[in-house]
C-alpha atoms as a PDB file:
ATOM      1  CA  MET A   1      43.647 128.213-153.735  1.00  0.00           C
ATOM      2  CA  GLY A   2      45.726 127.512-150.661  1.00  0.00           C
ATOM      3  CA  HIS A   3      45.225 123.740-150.905  1.00  0.00           C
ATOM      4  CA  ALA A   4      47.801 121.483-152.567  1.00  0.00           C
ATOM      5  CA  MET A   5      47.256 121.344-156.320  1.00  0.00           C
ATOM      6  CA  ASP A   6      46.254 117.987-157.734  1.00  0.00           C
ATOM      7  CA  THR A   7      49.347 116.270-159.130  1.00  0.00           C
ATOM      8  CA  SER A   8      47.659 115.277-162.401  1.00  0.00           C
ATOM      9  CA  ARG A   9      46.834 118.931-163.121  1.00  0.00           C
ATOM     10  CA  LEU A  10      50.402 119.904-162.290  1.00  0.00           C
ATOM     11  CA  GLN A  11      51.889 117.300-164.603  1.00  0.00           C
ATOM     12  CA  ALA A  12      49.469 118.110-167.444  1.00  0.00           C
ATOM     13  CA  GLY A  13      50.307 121.795-167.198  1.00  0.00           C
ATOM     14  CA  ILE A  14      54.031 121.036-167.142  1.00  0.00           C
ATOM     15  CA  ARG A  15      53.710 118.918-170.273  1.00  0.00           C
ATOM     16  CA  ARG A  16      51.857 121.690-172.141  1.00  0.00           C
ATOM     17  CA  ALA A  17      54.441 124.261-171.112  1.00  0.00           C
ATOM     18  CA  LEU A  18      57.397 122.110-172.100  1.00  0.00           C
ATOM     19  CA  HIS A  19      55.970 121.250-175.498  1.00  0.00           C
ATOM     20  CA  ARG A  20      55.650 124.984-176.226  1.00  0.00           C
ATOM     21  CA  TYR A  21      59.323 125.560-175.449  1.00  0.00           C
ATOM     22  CA  LEU A  22      60.805 122.238-176.639  1.00  0.00           C
ATOM     23  CA  PRO A  23      58.671 120.933-179.533  1.00  0.00           C
ATOM     24  CA  GLY A  24      58.909 117.298-180.560  1.00  0.00           C
ATOM     25  CA  ARG A  25      58.096 113.920-179.068  1.00  0.00           C
ATOM     26  CA  TRP A  26      59.265 113.314-175.496  1.00  0.00           C
ATOM     27  CA  PRO A  27      58.516 110.344-173.210  1.00  0.00           C
ATOM     28  CA  PRO A  28      55.994 111.545-170.568  1.00  0.00           C
ATOM     29  CA  VAL A  29      58.284 110.976-167.584  1.00  0.00           C
ATOM     30  CA  VAL A  30      61.175 112.777-169.267  1.00  0.00           C
ATOM     31  CA  VAL A  31      58.796 115.666-169.975  1.00  0.00           C
ATOM     32  CA  VAL A  32      58.010 116.014-166.274  1.00  0.00           C
ATOM     33  CA  LEU A  33      61.633 115.853-165.153  1.00  0.00           C
ATOM     34  CA  LEU A  34      62.947 118.190-167.860  1.00  0.00           C
ATOM     35  CA  ALA A  35      60.212 120.711-167.192  1.00  0.00           C
ATOM     36  CA  LEU A  36      60.966 120.785-163.485  1.00  0.00           C
ATOM     37  CA  VAL A  37      64.687 121.153-164.197  1.00  0.00           C
ATOM     38  CA  PHE A  38      64.609 123.777-166.927  1.00  0.00           C
ATOM     39  CA  PHE A  39      61.626 125.868-165.870  1.00  0.00           C
ATOM     40  CA  GLY A  40      61.536 125.285-162.139  1.00  0.00           C
ATOM     41  CA  PRO A  41      58.412 125.725-160.013  1.00  0.00           C
ATOM     42  CA  THR A  42      57.972 129.377-161.088  1.00  0.00           C
ATOM     43  CA  GLY A  43      56.723 130.492-164.439  1.00  0.00           C
ATOM     44  CA  ILE A  44      55.620 127.059-165.672  1.00  0.00           C
ATOM     45  CA  LEU A  45      51.917 127.426-165.017  1.00  0.00           C
ATOM     46  CA  ALA A  46      51.127 131.094-165.309  1.00  0.00           C
ATOM     47  CA  GLN A  47      47.394 130.602-164.791  1.00  0.00           C
ATOM     48  CA  GLN A  48      47.699 128.075-161.969  1.00  0.00           C
ATOM     49  CA  PRO A  49      48.957 128.233-158.376  1.00  0.00           C
ATOM     50  CA  LYS A  50      52.703 127.823-158.004  1.00  0.00           C
ATOM     51  CA  PRO A  51      53.549 124.300-156.812  1.00  0.00           C
ATOM     52  CA  SER A  52      55.261 124.184-153.463  1.00  0.00           C
ATOM     53  CA  GLU A  53      58.777 122.837-152.958  1.00  0.00           C
ATOM     54  CA  TYR A  54      57.449 119.560-151.585  1.00  0.00           C
ATOM     55  CA  GLN A  55      54.873 119.161-154.356  1.00  0.00           C
ATOM     56  CA  VAL A  56      57.772 119.232-156.793  1.00  0.00           C
ATOM     57  CA  LYS A  57      59.826 116.849-154.646  1.00  0.00           C
ATOM     58  CA  ALA A  58      56.890 114.450-154.347  1.00  0.00           C
ATOM     59  CA  THR A  59      56.495 114.398-158.136  1.00  0.00           C
ATOM     60  CA  TYR A  60      60.205 113.743-158.522  1.00  0.00           C
ATOM     61  CA  LEU A  61      60.089 110.975-155.905  1.00  0.00           C
ATOM     62  CA  TYR A  62      57.373 109.148-157.813  1.00  0.00           C
ATOM     63  CA  ASN A  63      59.119 109.540-161.164  1.00  0.00           C
ATOM     64  CA  PHE A  64      62.444 108.263-159.819  1.00  0.00           C
ATOM     65  CA  GLY A  65      60.711 104.883-159.624  1.00  0.00           C
ATOM     66  CA  ARG A  66      60.299 104.905-163.399  1.00  0.00           C
ATOM     67  CA  PHE A  67      63.981 105.592-164.082  1.00  0.00           C
ATOM     68  CA  VAL A  68      65.515 102.911-161.846  1.00  0.00           C
ATOM     69  CA  LYS A  69      65.871  99.184-162.431  1.00  0.00           C
ATOM     70  CA  TRP A  70      66.011  97.056-159.295  1.00  0.00           C
ATOM     71  CA  PRO A  71      67.839  93.727-159.017  1.00  0.00           C
ATOM     72  CA  GLY A  72      66.067  90.800-160.623  1.00  0.00           C
ATOM     73  CA  THR A  73      65.865  88.998-157.294  1.00  0.00           C
ATOM     74  CA  VAL A  74      64.186  90.987-154.540  1.00  0.00           C
ATOM     75  CA  PRO A  75      62.748  89.915-151.161  1.00  0.00           C
ATOM     76  CA  ALA A  76      59.252  88.462-151.332  1.00  0.00           C
ATOM     77  CA  GLY A  77      57.738  91.486-149.613  1.00  0.00           C
ATOM     78  CA  LYS A  78      58.889  93.730-152.435  1.00  0.00           C
ATOM     79  CA  GLY A  79      57.089  91.666-155.052  1.00  0.00           C
ATOM     80  CA  GLU A  80      53.491  92.384-154.056  1.00  0.00           C
ATOM     81  CA  SER A  81      53.544  96.180-154.174  1.00  0.00           C
ATOM     82  CA  PHE A  82      55.903  99.047-154.868  1.00  0.00           C
ATOM     83  CA  SER A  83      56.644 100.633-151.498  1.00  0.00           C
ATOM     84  CA  VAL A  84      57.748 104.257-151.215  1.00  0.00           C
ATOM     85  CA  CYS A  85      58.798 104.926-147.643  1.00  0.00           C
ATOM     86  CA  VAL A  86      59.593 107.945-145.479  1.00  0.00           C
ATOM     87  CA  LEU A  87      62.016 107.441-142.592  1.00  0.00           C
ATOM     88  CA  GLY A  88      61.697 109.852-139.672  1.00  0.00           C
ATOM     89  CA  GLN A  89      59.830 113.150-139.515  1.00  0.00           C
ATOM     90  CA  ASP A  90      57.733 113.485-142.681  1.00  0.00           C
ATOM     91  CA  PRO A  91      58.126 116.896-144.394  1.00  0.00           C
ATOM     92  CA  PHE A  92      55.549 116.114-147.106  1.00  0.00           C
ATOM     93  CA  GLY A  93      52.394 115.996-145.010  1.00  0.00           C
ATOM     94  CA  SER A  94      49.470 114.882-147.181  1.00  0.00           C
ATOM     95  CA  ILE A  95      51.202 115.914-150.423  1.00  0.00           C
ATOM     96  CA  LEU A  96      52.972 112.609-150.920  1.00  0.00           C
ATOM     97  CA  ASP A  97      49.796 110.665-150.146  1.00  0.00           C
ATOM     98  CA  SER A  98      47.874 112.496-152.866  1.00  0.00           C
ATOM     99  CA  THR A  99      50.765 112.250-155.342  1.00  0.00           C
ATOM    100  CA  LEU A 100      51.042 108.467-154.987  1.00  0.00           C
ATOM    101  CA  ALA A 101      47.338 107.647-154.600  1.00  0.00           C
ATOM    102  CA  GLY A 102      46.171 105.228-157.266  1.00  0.00           C
ATOM    103  CA  GLU A 103      49.577 105.102-158.988  1.00  0.00           C
ATOM    104  CA  ALA A 104      51.547 102.062-160.103  1.00  0.00           C
ATOM    105  CA  LEU A 105      55.246 101.446-160.719  1.00  0.00           C
ATOM    106  CA  ASP A 106      56.913  98.394-162.205  1.00  0.00           C
ATOM    107  CA  GLY A 107      53.431  96.972-162.765  1.00  0.00           C
ATOM    108  CA  LYS A 108      52.625  97.069-159.047  1.00  0.00           C
ATOM    109  CA  PRO A 109      50.411  99.375-156.964  1.00  0.00           C
ATOM    110  CA  VAL A 110      52.346 102.060-155.132  1.00  0.00           C
ATOM    111  CA  VAL A 111      52.075 101.925-151.351  1.00  0.00           C
ATOM    112  CA  LEU A 112      53.269 104.747-149.089  1.00  0.00           C
ATOM    113  CA  ARG A 113      54.751 103.733-145.740  1.00  0.00           C
ATOM    114  CA  ARG A 114      56.117 105.887-142.918  1.00  0.00           C
ATOM    115  CA  ILE A 115      58.723 104.129-140.829  1.00  0.00           C
ATOM    116  CA  SER A 116      60.716 104.970-137.710  1.00  0.00           C
ATOM    117  CA  LYS A 117      63.840 102.817-138.076  1.00  0.00           C
ATOM    118  CA  PRO A 118      65.946 101.652-141.055  1.00  0.00           C
ATOM    119  CA  GLN A 119      65.360  97.996-140.218  1.00  0.00           C
ATOM    120  CA  ASP A 120      61.742  98.536-141.338  1.00  0.00           C
ATOM    121  CA  ALA A 121      62.922  99.538-144.839  1.00  0.00           C
ATOM    122  CA  GLU A 122      63.625  96.030-146.108  1.00  0.00           C
ATOM    123  CA  ASP A 123      60.361  96.011-148.104  1.00  0.00           C
ATOM    124  CA  CYS A 124      60.890  99.526-149.522  1.00  0.00           C
ATOM    125  CA  ARG A 125      61.912 100.278-153.091  1.00  0.00           C
ATOM    126  CA  ILE A 126      62.394 104.022-152.521  1.00  0.00           C
ATOM    127  CA  LEU A 127      63.261 105.466-149.112  1.00  0.00           C
ATOM    128  CA  PHE A 128      63.126 109.199-148.389  1.00  0.00           C
ATOM    129  CA  ILE A 129      65.290 109.902-145.330  1.00  0.00           C
ATOM    130  CA  SER A 130      64.174 112.943-143.361  1.00  0.00           C
ATOM    131  CA  SER A 131      66.685 115.698-142.625  1.00  0.00           C
ATOM    132  CA  ALA A 132      65.810 115.164-138.966  1.00  0.00           C
ATOM    133  CA  GLU A 133      67.777 111.893-139.199  1.00  0.00           C
ATOM    134  CA  GLU A 134      71.024 113.628-140.237  1.00  0.00           C
ATOM    135  CA  LYS A 135      72.888 112.726-137.020  1.00  0.00           C
ATOM    136  CA  HIS A 136      72.066 109.057-137.604  1.00  0.00           C
ATOM    137  CA  LEU A 137      72.773 108.961-141.343  1.00  0.00           C
ATOM    138  CA  LYS A 138      75.906 106.819-141.133  1.00  0.00           C
ATOM    139  CA  GLU A 139      74.079 104.150-139.120  1.00  0.00           C
ATOM    140  CA  ILE A 140      71.062 104.303-141.447  1.00  0.00           C
ATOM    141  CA  LEU A 141      73.106 103.852-144.624  1.00  0.00           C
ATOM    142  CA  THR A 142      75.118 101.054-143.010  1.00  0.00           C
ATOM    143  CA  ALA A 143      71.889  99.256-142.114  1.00  0.00           C
ATOM    144  CA  LEU A 144      70.700  99.605-145.713  1.00  0.00           C
ATOM    145  CA  ASP A 145      73.907  98.328-147.343  1.00  0.00           C
ATOM    146  CA  GLU A 146      73.120  95.896-150.193  1.00  0.00           C
ATOM    147  CA  SER A 147      69.393  96.126-149.440  1.00  0.00           C
ATOM    148  CA  GLY A 148      68.465  97.300-152.936  1.00  0.00           C
ATOM    149  CA  VAL A 149      66.695 100.412-151.623  1.00  0.00           C
ATOM    150  CA  LEU A 150      66.966 103.705-153.514  1.00  0.00           C
ATOM    151  CA  THR A 151      67.838 106.302-150.850  1.00  0.00           C
ATOM    152  CA  VAL A 152      66.693 109.912-151.332  1.00  0.00           C
ATOM    153  CA  SER A 153      66.929 112.955-149.064  1.00  0.00           C
ATOM    154  CA  ASP A 154      67.232 116.715-149.035  1.00  0.00           C
ATOM    155  CA  MET A 155      69.676 116.874-146.119  1.00  0.00           C
ATOM    156  CA  PRO A 156      72.939 118.728-146.872  1.00  0.00           C
ATOM    157  CA  GLY A 157      75.827 116.503-147.949  1.00  0.00           C
ATOM    158  CA  PHE A 158      73.611 113.454-148.451  1.00  0.00           C
ATOM    159  CA  THR A 159      75.262 112.132-151.629  1.00  0.00           C
ATOM    160  CA  ARG A 160      78.729 113.041-150.351  1.00  0.00           C
ATOM    161  CA  ARG A 161      78.086 110.805-147.340  1.00  0.00           C
ATOM    162  CA  GLY A 162      76.845 107.875-149.412  1.00  0.00           C
ATOM    163  CA  GLY A 163      73.176 108.597-150.119  1.00  0.00           C
ATOM    164  CA  MET A 164      72.003 107.995-153.688  1.00  0.00           C
ATOM    165  CA  ILE A 165      69.862 110.992-154.664  1.00  0.00           C
ATOM    166  CA  GLN A 166      69.872 114.396-152.964  1.00  0.00           C
ATOM    167  CA  PHE A 167      67.420 117.210-153.635  1.00  0.00           C
ATOM    168  CA  VAL A 168      69.122 120.594-153.911  1.00  0.00           C
ATOM    169  CA  LEU A 169      67.691 124.072-154.430  1.00  0.00           C
ATOM    170  CA  GLU A 170      69.070 126.363-157.127  1.00  0.00           C
ATOM    171  CA  GLY A 171      67.235 129.618-156.528  1.00  0.00           C
ATOM    172  CA  GLU A 172      63.599 128.518-156.533  1.00  0.00           C
ATOM    173  CA  ARG A 173      64.253 125.449-158.656  1.00  0.00           C
ATOM    174  CA  VAL A 174      64.317 121.972-157.169  1.00  0.00           C
ATOM    175  CA  ARG A 175      67.173 119.988-158.691  1.00  0.00           C
ATOM    176  CA  PHE A 176      68.838 116.743-157.646  1.00  0.00           C
ATOM    177  CA  GLU A 177      72.284 115.210-157.644  1.00  0.00           C
ATOM    178  CA  ILE A 178      73.203 111.540-157.788  1.00  0.00           C
ATOM    179  CA  ASN A 179      75.855 109.353-156.180  1.00  0.00           C
ATOM    180  CA  LEU A 180      76.092 106.739-158.909  1.00  0.00           C
ATOM    181  CA  ALA A 181      78.630 104.619-157.045  1.00  0.00           C
ATOM    182  CA  SER A 182      76.239 104.203-154.104  1.00  0.00           C
ATOM    183  CA  ALA A 183      73.403 103.155-156.396  1.00  0.00           C
ATOM    184  CA  GLU A 184      75.586 100.691-158.283  1.00  0.00           C
ATOM    185  CA  SER A 185      76.871  99.133-155.053  1.00  0.00           C
ATOM    186  CA  ALA A 186      73.237  98.333-154.218  1.00  0.00           C
ATOM    187  CA  ARG A 187      72.859  96.780-157.703  1.00  0.00           C
ATOM    188  CA  LEU A 188      70.488  99.500-158.869  1.00  0.00           C
ATOM    189  CA  VAL A 189      70.617 100.595-162.499  1.00  0.00           C
ATOM    190  CA  LEU A 190      69.833 104.284-163.075  1.00  0.00           C
ATOM    191  CA  SER A 191      68.751 105.200-166.589  1.00  0.00           C
ATOM    192  CA  SER A 192      70.823 107.523-168.734  1.00  0.00           C
ATOM    193  CA  GLU A 193      67.850 109.928-168.934  1.00  0.00           C
ATOM    194  CA  LEU A 194      67.917 110.370-165.175  1.00  0.00           C
ATOM    195  CA  LEU A 195      71.668 110.942-165.145  1.00  0.00           C
ATOM    196  CA  LYS A 196      71.369 113.544-167.917  1.00  0.00           C
ATOM    197  CA  VAL A 197      68.987 115.779-165.966  1.00  0.00           C
ATOM    198  CA  ALA A 198      70.848 115.513-162.639  1.00  0.00           C
ATOM    199  CA  SER A 199      72.662 118.684-161.599  1.00  0.00           C
ATOM    200  CA  ASN A 200      75.682 116.614-160.544  1.00  0.00           C
ATOM    201  CA  VAL A 201      76.657 112.941-160.743  1.00  0.00           C
ATOM    202  CA  ARG A 202      79.147 111.661-158.176  1.00  0.00           C
ATOM    203  CA  ARG A 203      81.004 108.558-159.282  1.00  0.00           C
ATOM    204  CA  ASN A 204      82.789 107.906-155.994  1.00  0.00           C
ATOM    205  CA  GLY A 205      81.399 106.339-152.830  1.00  0.00           C
ATOM    206  CA  ARG A 206      80.814 107.962-149.461  1.00  0.00           C
ATOM    207  CA  SER A 207      83.476 110.332-148.200  1.00  0.00           C
ATOM    208  CA  GLY A 208      82.961 110.156-144.471  1.00  0.00           C
ATOM    209  CA  GLY A 209      80.330 110.420-141.735  1.00  0.00           C
END
């Protein structure tokens, strides 16, 4: 019981729970995001182990890729696979590997990469920036300017400083806020469904280092 719960079981249980509380037809990805937002990691699956914080974040990270439209012209390296990358110390462990294994986004197989410097992110579609990189955030975001990479982190003040999506905790619930201006400056289009379930949407750019 102490091992990470299989993501497919988690998502199936979330869908069943949400349909009990919010009947009607919902797109599968919206079901996952709304369930995580409204029910949080506790109380969703009464008969199953409670998902950990990073199981929830890993599920979010995958589903972000289904709510974002990237520029029509991307570097050649981004065309062969859909790369989800982690920059710096990886807080997910094996959870992200199991969440992304065998998945596809934008019609391409998802590949997980762990990188040590922002210059290696040019082939990434989604980049999770470790909190351990907080002191270097300004340099990282500057290096990624106009690269078309969706930046995600759980470090404090991430969206205020120019990051695109920041995980935040509200009690035991994992939520996220969005800096829409940062995403738009990178020519990324975030769907209205994603904006609706965000806890906060910033429409201004970065506000300092």
